[in-house]
C-alpha atoms as a PDB file:
ATOM      1  CA  MET A   1       5.510 -78.967  17.025  1.00  0.00           C
ATOM      2  CA  ARG A   2       3.980 -79.567  13.649  1.00  0.00           C
ATOM      3  CA  LEU A   3       0.629 -81.127  13.037  1.00  0.00           C
ATOM      4  CA  PRO A   4      -0.654 -83.354  10.288  1.00  0.00           C
ATOM      5  CA  PRO A   5      -3.270 -81.622   7.978  1.00  0.00           C
ATOM      6  CA  THR A   6      -6.775 -81.522   9.262  1.00  0.00           C
ATOM      7  CA  PRO A   7      -8.938 -84.195   7.447  1.00  0.00           C
ATOM      8  CA  ALA A   8     -11.324 -82.380   4.806  1.00  0.00           C
ATOM      9  CA  SER A   9     -14.320 -84.151   6.511  1.00  0.00           C
ATOM     10  CA  ARG A  10     -13.781 -82.326   9.860  1.00  0.00           C
ATOM     11  CA  ALA A  11     -15.593 -79.065   8.842  1.00  0.00           C
ATOM     12  CA  SER A  12     -18.251 -77.672   6.581  1.00  0.00           C
ATOM     13  CA  TRP A  13     -17.912 -74.188   5.534  1.00  0.00           C
ATOM     14  CA  GLU A  14     -20.525 -71.779   4.149  1.00  0.00           C
ATOM     15  CA  CYS A  15     -19.842 -68.290   2.795  1.00  0.00           C
ATOM     16  CA  ARG A  16     -22.296 -65.568   1.510  1.00  0.00           C
ATOM     17  CA  ARG A  17     -22.458 -61.865   0.687  1.00  0.00           C
ATOM     18  CA  LEU A  18     -25.253 -59.876   2.522  1.00  0.00           C
ATOM     19  CA  THR A  19     -26.325 -56.993   0.143  1.00  0.00           C
ATOM     20  CA  LEU A  20     -29.102 -54.432   0.332  1.00  0.00           C
ATOM     21  CA  PHE A  21     -31.504 -56.719  -1.791  1.00  0.00           C
ATOM     22  CA  ALA A  22     -30.266 -60.246  -1.618  1.00  0.00           C
ATOM     23  CA  SER A  23     -27.677 -62.676  -0.387  1.00  0.00           C
ATOM     24  CA  ALA A  24     -25.805 -65.370  -2.163  1.00  0.00           C
ATOM     25  CA  THR A  25     -25.339 -68.552  -0.162  1.00  0.00           C
ATOM     26  CA  ILE A  26     -22.818 -71.019  -1.212  1.00  0.00           C
ATOM     27  CA  SER A  27     -21.964 -74.328   0.509  1.00  0.00           C
ATOM     28  CA  MET A  28     -18.282 -74.199   1.283  1.00  0.00           C
ATOM     29  CA  THR A  29     -16.319 -77.347   1.504  1.00  0.00           C
ATOM     30  CA  ASN A  30     -12.610 -77.289   2.489  1.00  0.00           C
ATOM     31  CA  SER A  31     -11.778 -77.957  -1.328  1.00  0.00           C
ATOM     32  CA  ALA A  32     -13.847 -75.048  -2.339  1.00  0.00           C
ATOM     33  CA  LEU A  33     -12.046 -72.754   0.139  1.00  0.00           C
ATOM     34  CA  ARG A  34      -8.572 -73.854  -1.106  1.00  0.00           C
ATOM     35  CA  SER A  35      -9.582 -73.020  -4.636  1.00  0.00           C
ATOM     36  CA  GLY A  36      -9.856 -69.410  -3.574  1.00  0.00           C
ATOM     37  CA  LEU A  37     -13.655 -69.074  -4.454  1.00  0.00           C
ATOM     38  CA  MET A  38     -14.668 -65.517  -4.723  1.00  0.00           C
ATOM     39  CA  ILE A  39     -18.240 -64.467  -3.768  1.00  0.00           C
ATOM     40  CA  SER A  40     -19.481 -61.344  -5.576  1.00  0.00           C
ATOM     41  CA  GLY A  41     -22.626 -59.795  -7.063  1.00  0.00           C
ATOM     42  CA  ASP A  42     -26.213 -60.240  -6.027  1.00  0.00           C
ATOM     43  CA  ALA A  43     -28.075 -63.517  -6.167  1.00  0.00           C
ATOM     44  CA  THR A  44     -31.432 -64.949  -5.223  1.00  0.00           C
ATOM     45  CA  PRO A  45     -31.595 -65.147  -1.447  1.00  0.00           C
ATOM     46  CA  SER A  46     -31.320 -68.710  -0.096  1.00  0.00           C
ATOM     47  CA  ALA A  47     -34.264 -70.229   1.914  1.00  0.00           C
ATOM     48  CA  SER A  48     -31.744 -72.215   3.938  1.00  0.00           C
ATOM     49  CA  SER A  49     -30.730 -71.108   7.297  1.00  0.00           C
ATOM     50  CA  PRO A  50     -27.504 -72.004   9.140  1.00  0.00           C
ATOM     51  CA  HIS A  51     -27.258 -75.420  10.769  1.00  0.00           C
ATOM     52  CA  ILE A  52     -26.313 -74.309  14.338  1.00  0.00           C
ATOM     53  CA  SER A  53     -27.294 -77.004  16.801  1.00  0.00           C
ATOM     54  CA  GLY A  54     -25.147 -78.342  19.552  1.00  0.00           C
ATOM     55  CA  ARG A  55     -21.439 -78.606  18.675  1.00  0.00           C
ATOM     56  CA  THR A  56     -21.811 -78.355  15.040  1.00  0.00           C
ATOM     57  CA  ALA A  57     -18.821 -78.485  12.625  1.00  0.00           C
ATOM     58  CA  GLU A  58     -20.240 -75.793  10.365  1.00  0.00           C
ATOM     59  CA  VAL A  59     -19.043 -72.289   9.999  1.00  0.00           C
ATOM     60  CA  LYS A  60     -21.360 -69.777   8.287  1.00  0.00           C
ATOM     61  CA  ILE A  61     -19.460 -66.554   7.054  1.00  0.00           C
ATOM     62  CA  THR A  62     -21.540 -63.484   6.051  1.00  0.00           C
ATOM     63  CA  PHE A  63     -20.065 -60.261   4.695  1.00  0.00           C
ATOM     64  CA  ILE A  64     -21.240 -56.841   3.582  1.00  0.00           C
ATOM     65  CA  ASN A  65     -19.741 -53.863   1.786  1.00  0.00           C
ATOM     66  CA  SER A  66     -20.699 -50.644   3.556  1.00  0.00           C
ATOM     67  CA  ALA A  67     -20.106 -48.493   0.596  1.00  0.00           C
ATOM     68  CA  GLU A  68     -23.151 -50.238  -1.039  1.00  0.00           C
ATOM     69  CA  ILE A  69     -25.604 -49.289   1.710  1.00  0.00           C
ATOM     70  CA  SER A  70     -27.826 -46.137   1.451  1.00  0.00           C
ATOM     71  CA  ASP A  71     -27.591 -43.394   4.079  1.00  0.00           C
ATOM     72  CA  GLU A  72     -31.298 -43.979   4.884  1.00  0.00           C
ATOM     73  CA  LEU A  73     -30.804 -47.724   5.610  1.00  0.00           C
ATOM     74  CA  LEU A  74     -27.673 -47.003   7.805  1.00  0.00           C
ATOM     75  CA  ALA A  75     -29.765 -44.703   9.790  1.00  0.00           C
ATOM     76  CA  GLU A  76     -32.299 -47.462  10.442  1.00  0.00           C
ATOM     77  CA  TRP A  77     -29.698 -49.820  11.310  1.00  0.00           C
ATOM     78  CA  LEU A  78     -28.057 -47.393  13.774  1.00  0.00           C
ATOM     79  CA  LEU A  79     -31.375 -47.413  15.646  1.00  0.00           C
ATOM     80  CA  GLU A  80     -31.048 -51.221  16.253  1.00  0.00           C
ATOM     81  CA  ALA A  81     -27.901 -50.621  18.409  1.00  0.00           C
ATOM     82  CA  ASP A  82     -28.110 -49.941  22.129  1.00  0.00           C
ATOM     83  CA  GLU A  83     -27.820 -46.490  23.335  1.00  0.00           C
ATOM     84  CA  ASN A  84     -24.088 -46.773  24.408  1.00  0.00           C
ATOM     85  CA  LYS A  85     -23.068 -47.925  20.980  1.00  0.00           C
ATOM     86  CA  GLN A  86     -25.196 -45.373  19.276  1.00  0.00           C
ATOM     87  CA  ARG A  87     -23.414 -42.662  21.235  1.00  0.00           C
ATOM     88  CA  GLU A  88     -19.956 -44.378  20.544  1.00  0.00           C
ATOM     89  CA  ILE A  89     -20.689 -44.480  16.697  1.00  0.00           C
ATOM     90  CA  ASN A  90     -22.033 -40.928  16.564  1.00  0.00           C
ATOM     91  CA  ARG A  91     -18.769 -39.691  18.291  1.00  0.00           C
ATOM     92  CA  MET A  92     -16.827 -41.032  15.279  1.00  0.00           C
ATOM     93  CA  GLN A  93     -15.354 -38.170  13.192  1.00  0.00           C
ATOM     94  CA  GLN A  94     -14.688 -39.991   9.912  1.00  0.00           C
ATOM     95  CA  ALA A  95     -17.954 -40.722   8.012  1.00  0.00           C
ATOM     96  CA  ASP A  96     -16.532 -43.857   6.157  1.00  0.00           C
ATOM     97  CA  LYS A  97     -15.546 -45.554   9.514  1.00  0.00           C
ATOM     98  CA  ARG A  98     -18.948 -44.637  10.929  1.00  0.00           C
ATOM     99  CA  ARG A  99     -20.737 -46.318   8.062  1.00  0.00           C
ATOM    100  CA  LEU A 100     -18.559 -49.344   8.450  1.00  0.00           C
ATOM    101  CA  ARG A 101     -19.270 -49.578  12.284  1.00  0.00           C
ATOM    102  CA  ILE A 102     -22.994 -49.327  11.700  1.00  0.00           C
ATOM    103  CA  ALA A 103     -23.023 -51.982   8.959  1.00  0.00           C
ATOM    104  CA  ALA A 104     -20.775 -54.306  10.956  1.00  0.00           C
ATOM    105  CA  ASP A 105     -23.059 -54.030  13.978  1.00  0.00           C
ATOM    106  CA  HIS A 106     -26.019 -54.740  11.784  1.00  0.00           C
ATOM    107  CA  LEU A 107     -24.341 -57.725  10.169  1.00  0.00           C
ATOM    108  CA  CYS A 108     -23.390 -59.238  13.472  1.00  0.00           C
ATOM    109  CA  ARG A 109     -26.959 -58.904  14.877  1.00  0.00           C
ATOM    110  CA  ALA A 110     -28.547 -60.125  11.655  1.00  0.00           C
ATOM    111  CA  ALA A 111     -26.342 -63.190  11.398  1.00  0.00           C
ATOM    112  CA  ALA A 112     -26.792 -64.162  15.097  1.00  0.00           C
ATOM    113  CA  ALA A 113     -30.632 -63.643  14.925  1.00  0.00           C
ATOM    114  CA  GLU A 114     -30.875 -65.929  11.859  1.00  0.00           C
ATOM    115  CA  ALA A 115     -28.761 -68.597  13.567  1.00  0.00           C
ATOM    116  CA  LEU A 116     -30.943 -68.314  16.762  1.00  0.00           C
ATOM    117  CA  GLY A 117     -34.224 -68.037  15.077  1.00  0.00           C
ATOM    118  CA  LEU A 118     -34.853 -64.575  16.685  1.00  0.00           C
ATOM    119  CA  SER A 119     -35.612 -61.086  15.489  1.00  0.00           C
ATOM    120  CA  PRO A 120     -32.491 -58.722  15.457  1.00  0.00           C
ATOM    121  CA  ALA A 121     -34.025 -56.851  18.329  1.00  0.00           C
ATOM    122  CA  GLU A 122     -34.221 -59.813  20.492  1.00  0.00           C
ATOM    123  CA  VAL A 123     -30.399 -60.673  20.261  1.00  0.00           C
ATOM    124  CA  LYS A 124     -28.666 -59.711  23.418  1.00  0.00           C
ATOM    125  CA  PHE A 125     -24.847 -59.376  23.404  1.00  0.00           C
ATOM    126  CA  GLY A 126     -22.488 -59.503  26.225  1.00  0.00           C
ATOM    127  CA  LYS A 127     -18.677 -59.842  26.653  1.00  0.00           C
ATOM    128  CA  ASN A 128     -16.285 -62.405  28.060  1.00  0.00           C
ATOM    129  CA  GLU A 129     -13.614 -61.366  30.716  1.00  0.00           C
ATOM    130  CA  HIS A 130     -11.318 -60.411  27.783  1.00  0.00           C
ATOM    131  CA  GLY A 131     -13.916 -58.259  26.008  1.00  0.00           C
ATOM    132  CA  LYS A 132     -14.810 -60.632  23.339  1.00  0.00           C
ATOM    133  CA  PRO A 133     -18.471 -60.129  22.326  1.00  0.00           C
ATOM    134  CA  THR A 134     -20.634 -63.186  23.136  1.00  0.00           C
ATOM    135  CA  THR A 135     -24.390 -64.270  23.076  1.00  0.00           C
ATOM    136  CA  ASP A 136     -26.184 -67.357  24.448  1.00  0.00           C
ATOM    137  CA  GLY A 137     -26.638 -70.313  21.989  1.00  0.00           C
ATOM    138  CA  ILE A 138     -24.010 -69.796  19.408  1.00  0.00           C
ATOM    139  CA  GLU A 139     -20.406 -68.753  18.868  1.00  0.00           C
ATOM    140  CA  PHE A 140     -19.662 -65.965  16.650  1.00  0.00           C
ATOM    141  CA  ASN A 141     -17.024 -63.441  15.809  1.00  0.00           C
ATOM    142  CA  LEU A 142     -16.889 -60.155  13.776  1.00  0.00           C
ATOM    143  CA  SER A 143     -14.167 -58.227  11.886  1.00  0.00           C
ATOM    144  CA  HIS A 144     -14.091 -55.299   9.600  1.00  0.00           C
ATOM    145  CA  SER A 145     -11.612 -53.456   7.491  1.00  0.00           C
ATOM    146  CA  GLY A 146     -11.789 -50.903   4.639  1.00  0.00           C
ATOM    147  CA  ASN A 147     -15.437 -51.021   3.523  1.00  0.00           C
ATOM    148  CA  ILE A 148     -15.910 -54.744   4.398  1.00  0.00           C
ATOM    149  CA  ALA A 149     -17.433 -56.244   7.508  1.00  0.00           C
ATOM    150  CA  VAL A 150     -17.429 -60.001   7.981  1.00  0.00           C
ATOM    151  CA  CYS A 151     -19.063 -62.295  10.608  1.00  0.00           C
ATOM    152  CA  ALA A 152     -18.517 -65.935  11.349  1.00  0.00           C
ATOM    153  CA  VAL A 153     -21.103 -67.967  13.167  1.00  0.00           C
ATOM    154  CA  SER A 154     -20.513 -71.629  14.526  1.00  0.00           C
ATOM    155  CA  GLY A 155     -21.521 -73.994  17.104  1.00  0.00           C
ATOM    156  CA  LYS A 156     -17.998 -74.016  18.358  1.00  0.00           C
ATOM    157  CA  PRO A 157     -15.429 -71.298  19.259  1.00  0.00           C
ATOM    158  CA  VAL A 158     -14.630 -69.319  16.122  1.00  0.00           C
ATOM    159  CA  GLY A 159     -12.493 -66.345  15.264  1.00  0.00           C
ATOM    160  CA  ILE A 160     -12.228 -64.252  12.094  1.00  0.00           C
ATOM    161  CA  ASP A 161     -10.108 -61.371  10.918  1.00  0.00           C
ATOM    162  CA  ILE A 162     -10.103 -59.319   7.638  1.00  0.00           C
ATOM    163  CA  GLU A 163      -7.508 -56.755   6.662  1.00  0.00           C
ATOM    164  CA  ALA A 164      -7.517 -54.382   3.594  1.00  0.00           C
ATOM    165  CA  LEU A 165      -4.173 -54.805   1.813  1.00  0.00           C
ATOM    166  CA  ARG A 166      -2.066 -51.648   2.136  1.00  0.00           C
ATOM    167  CA  GLU A 167       1.414 -50.454   2.277  1.00  0.00           C
ATOM    168  CA  ILE A 168       3.220 -51.255   5.466  1.00  0.00           C
ATOM    169  CA  ARG A 169       6.834 -51.391   6.548  1.00  0.00           C
ATOM    170  CA  PRO A 170       8.288 -54.958   6.292  1.00  0.00           C
ATOM    171  CA  ASP A 171      10.007 -54.661   9.642  1.00  0.00           C
ATOM    172  CA  VAL A 172       6.618 -54.588  11.326  1.00  0.00           C
ATOM    173  CA  ALA A 173       6.373 -58.389  10.900  1.00  0.00           C
ATOM    174  CA  LYS A 174       9.356 -58.792  13.559  1.00  0.00           C
ATOM    175  CA  ARG A 175       6.775 -57.641  16.044  1.00  0.00           C
ATOM    176  CA  PHE A 176       4.428 -60.495  15.769  1.00  0.00           C
ATOM    177  CA  ALA A 177       5.978 -63.197  13.504  1.00  0.00           C
ATOM    178  CA  SER A 178       8.079 -66.090  14.530  1.00  0.00           C
ATOM    179  CA  ALA A 179      11.416 -66.895  12.745  1.00  0.00           C
ATOM    180  CA  GLU A 180       9.747 -69.506  10.633  1.00  0.00           C
ATOM    181  CA  GLU A 181       6.869 -67.085   9.791  1.00  0.00           C
ATOM    182  CA  LEU A 182       9.397 -64.345   8.990  1.00  0.00           C
ATOM    183  CA  GLU A 183      10.980 -66.699   6.538  1.00  0.00           C
ATOM    184  CA  TYR A 184       7.624 -67.267   4.912  1.00  0.00           C
ATOM    185  CA  ILE A 185       6.780 -63.544   4.696  1.00  0.00           C
ATOM    186  CA  GLY A 186      10.107 -62.405   3.301  1.00  0.00           C
ATOM    187  CA  SER A 187       9.363 -59.164   1.781  1.00  0.00           C
ATOM    188  CA  ASP A 188       5.792 -59.972   0.531  1.00  0.00           C
ATOM    189  CA  PRO A 189       3.193 -57.690   2.017  1.00  0.00           C
ATOM    190  CA  ARG A 190       0.364 -60.032   1.198  1.00  0.00           C
ATOM    191  CA  ARG A 191       2.086 -62.860   3.209  1.00  0.00           C
ATOM    192  CA  LEU A 192       2.530 -60.371   6.085  1.00  0.00           C
ATOM    193  CA  PHE A 193      -1.164 -59.894   6.266  1.00  0.00           C
ATOM    194  CA  GLU A 194      -1.923 -63.667   5.874  1.00  0.00           C
ATOM    195  CA  ILE A 195       0.104 -64.402   8.962  1.00  0.00           C
ATOM    196  CA  TRP A 196      -1.407 -61.407  10.811  1.00  0.00           C
ATOM    197  CA  THR A 197      -5.053 -62.358  10.129  1.00  0.00           C
ATOM    198  CA  LEU A 198      -4.258 -65.933  10.989  1.00  0.00           C
ATOM    199  CA  LYS A 199      -2.980 -64.924  14.398  1.00  0.00           C
ATOM    200  CA  GLU A 200      -5.873 -62.461  14.932  1.00  0.00           C
ATOM    201  CA  ALA A 201      -8.473 -65.147  14.032  1.00  0.00           C
ATOM    202  CA  TYR A 202      -6.746 -67.724  16.340  1.00  0.00           C
ATOM    203  CA  PHE A 203      -6.519 -65.405  19.393  1.00  0.00           C
ATOM    204  CA  LYS A 204     -10.044 -64.258  18.818  1.00  0.00           C
ATOM    205  CA  CYS A 205     -11.171 -68.009  18.625  1.00  0.00           C
ATOM    206  CA  VAL A 206      -9.527 -68.830  21.895  1.00  0.00           C
ATOM    207  CA  GLY A 207     -11.167 -65.741  23.336  1.00  0.00           C
ATOM    208  CA  THR A 208      -8.224 -63.666  24.546  1.00  0.00           C
ATOM    209  CA  GLY A 209      -7.468 -61.345  21.655  1.00  0.00           C
ATOM    210  CA  ILE A 210      -3.987 -60.412  20.484  1.00  0.00           C
ATOM    211  CA  GLY A 211      -1.614 -59.922  23.518  1.00  0.00           C
ATOM    212  CA  SER A 212       1.930 -60.071  24.583  1.00  0.00           C
ATOM    213  CA  ASP A 213       1.949 -63.790  23.765  1.00  0.00           C
ATOM    214  CA  ILE A 214       1.419 -63.111  19.993  1.00  0.00           C
ATOM    215  CA  LYS A 215       4.450 -65.233  19.107  1.00  0.00           C
ATOM    216  CA  SER A 216       3.325 -68.184  21.272  1.00  0.00           C
ATOM    217  CA  VAL A 217       1.609 -69.611  18.282  1.00  0.00           C
ATOM    218  CA  THR A 218       3.142 -70.227  14.841  1.00  0.00           C
ATOM    219  CA  PHE A 219       1.448 -70.835  11.460  1.00  0.00           C
ATOM    220  CA  THR A 220       2.984 -72.867   8.723  1.00  0.00           C
ATOM    221  CA  VAL A 221       1.428 -72.027   5.295  1.00  0.00           C
ATOM    222  CA  ASN A 222       2.184 -74.288   2.415  1.00  0.00           C
ATOM    223  CA  GLY A 223      -0.232 -73.396  -0.435  1.00  0.00           C
ATOM    224  CA  ASP A 224      -3.657 -74.498   0.746  1.00  0.00           C
ATOM    225  CA  ASP A 225      -2.423 -76.352   3.777  1.00  0.00           C
ATOM    226  CA  ILE A 226      -2.327 -74.124   6.955  1.00  0.00           C
ATOM    227  CA  ARG A 227      -0.966 -75.836  10.094  1.00  0.00           C
ATOM    228  CA  CYS A 228      -1.236 -74.264  13.581  1.00  0.00           C
ATOM    229  CA  SER A 229       1.373 -75.194  16.273  1.00  0.00           C
ATOM    230  CA  GLU A 230      -1.356 -75.420  18.844  1.00  0.00           C
ATOM    231  CA  PRO A 231      -3.501 -78.627  18.259  1.00  0.00           C
ATOM    232  CA  GLY A 232      -7.099 -78.654  17.878  1.00  0.00           C
ATOM    233  CA  PHE A 233      -7.772 -75.752  15.470  1.00  0.00           C
ATOM    234  CA  THR A 234      -8.697 -75.633  11.796  1.00  0.00           C
ATOM    235  CA  CYS A 235      -7.753 -72.452  10.063  1.00  0.00           C
ATOM    236  CA  LYS A 236      -8.421 -71.338   6.528  1.00  0.00           C
ATOM    237  CA  PHE A 237      -8.134 -68.253   4.206  1.00  0.00           C
ATOM    238  CA  ILE A 238     -11.404 -67.057   2.847  1.00  0.00           C
ATOM    239  CA  SER A 239     -11.561 -65.096  -0.375  1.00  0.00           C
ATOM    240  CA  ILE A 240     -14.131 -62.180   0.113  1.00  0.00           C
ATOM    241  CA  ALA A 241     -13.057 -59.410  -2.089  1.00  0.00           C
ATOM    242  CA  ASP A 242     -10.152 -58.110  -4.155  1.00  0.00           C
ATOM    243  CA  GLY A 243      -7.671 -56.297  -2.009  1.00  0.00           C
ATOM    244  CA  TYR A 244      -8.560 -57.970   1.241  1.00  0.00           C
ATOM    245  CA  ILE A 245      -7.074 -60.940   3.159  1.00  0.00           C
ATOM    246  CA  CYS A 246      -9.466 -62.837   5.409  1.00  0.00           C
ATOM    247  CA  SER A 247      -8.646 -65.771   7.850  1.00  0.00           C
ATOM    248  CA  VAL A 248     -11.050 -67.811   9.917  1.00  0.00           C
ATOM    249  CA  CYS A 249     -10.092 -70.212  12.827  1.00  0.00           C
ATOM    250  CA  GLU A 250     -12.445 -72.730  14.461  1.00  0.00           C
ATOM    251  CA  LYS A 251     -11.744 -75.004  17.441  1.00  0.00           C
ATOM    252  CA  GLU A 252     -12.155 -78.650  16.610  1.00  0.00           C
ATOM    253  CA  GLY A 253     -13.884 -81.252  18.728  1.00  0.00           C
END
């Protein structure tokens, strides 16, 4: 089943970059997203906080580059994590992946704390029956790849996925893409990651994660118009950094 485009007035989107010293906050309308707006560099921190109240229609997206963060600050951030997560991170063999996990955990905690009006230490995380991280009062989702971690916060169920572009066998698409999606992908690796991130974001939004039903939902991409075969979801591509594909999906209503 094909759905009509989601009206532009349905959602407000905000995207910013969290850096060591400052964050840039930009109000993201659907039209701004469609233009492929890139957020880069440092800016004066915004005094505004995310509007997260009730079932709001706003998504706030924050991201961080772990390669920009000093070892000293990463050591401080690691101490924010609970003991189980600290042990898990310390067991990681690759330093770059360890840095990314520390930065991602801090990003998620900081974004949730800001939305809830709490200190990062006061934020308590849990998991749903499928293992999706949760916390009381808001909906959020986290993803990381390469050196980038990205977090989406909303008052409604939300999912986000980011992937660093890399070489991959074209036949991999057959494992997750429908016939219509395979036609769209062709031999274009960028389109392969577009469909993959859309599916990841969708299944993270519904709270189940990618599973054996990965082909149960189909995405039709026509330029800036993205349609989901399941009704009631708004999905968009977000331009975060060169060399990355990022998709976000929010449940409507």
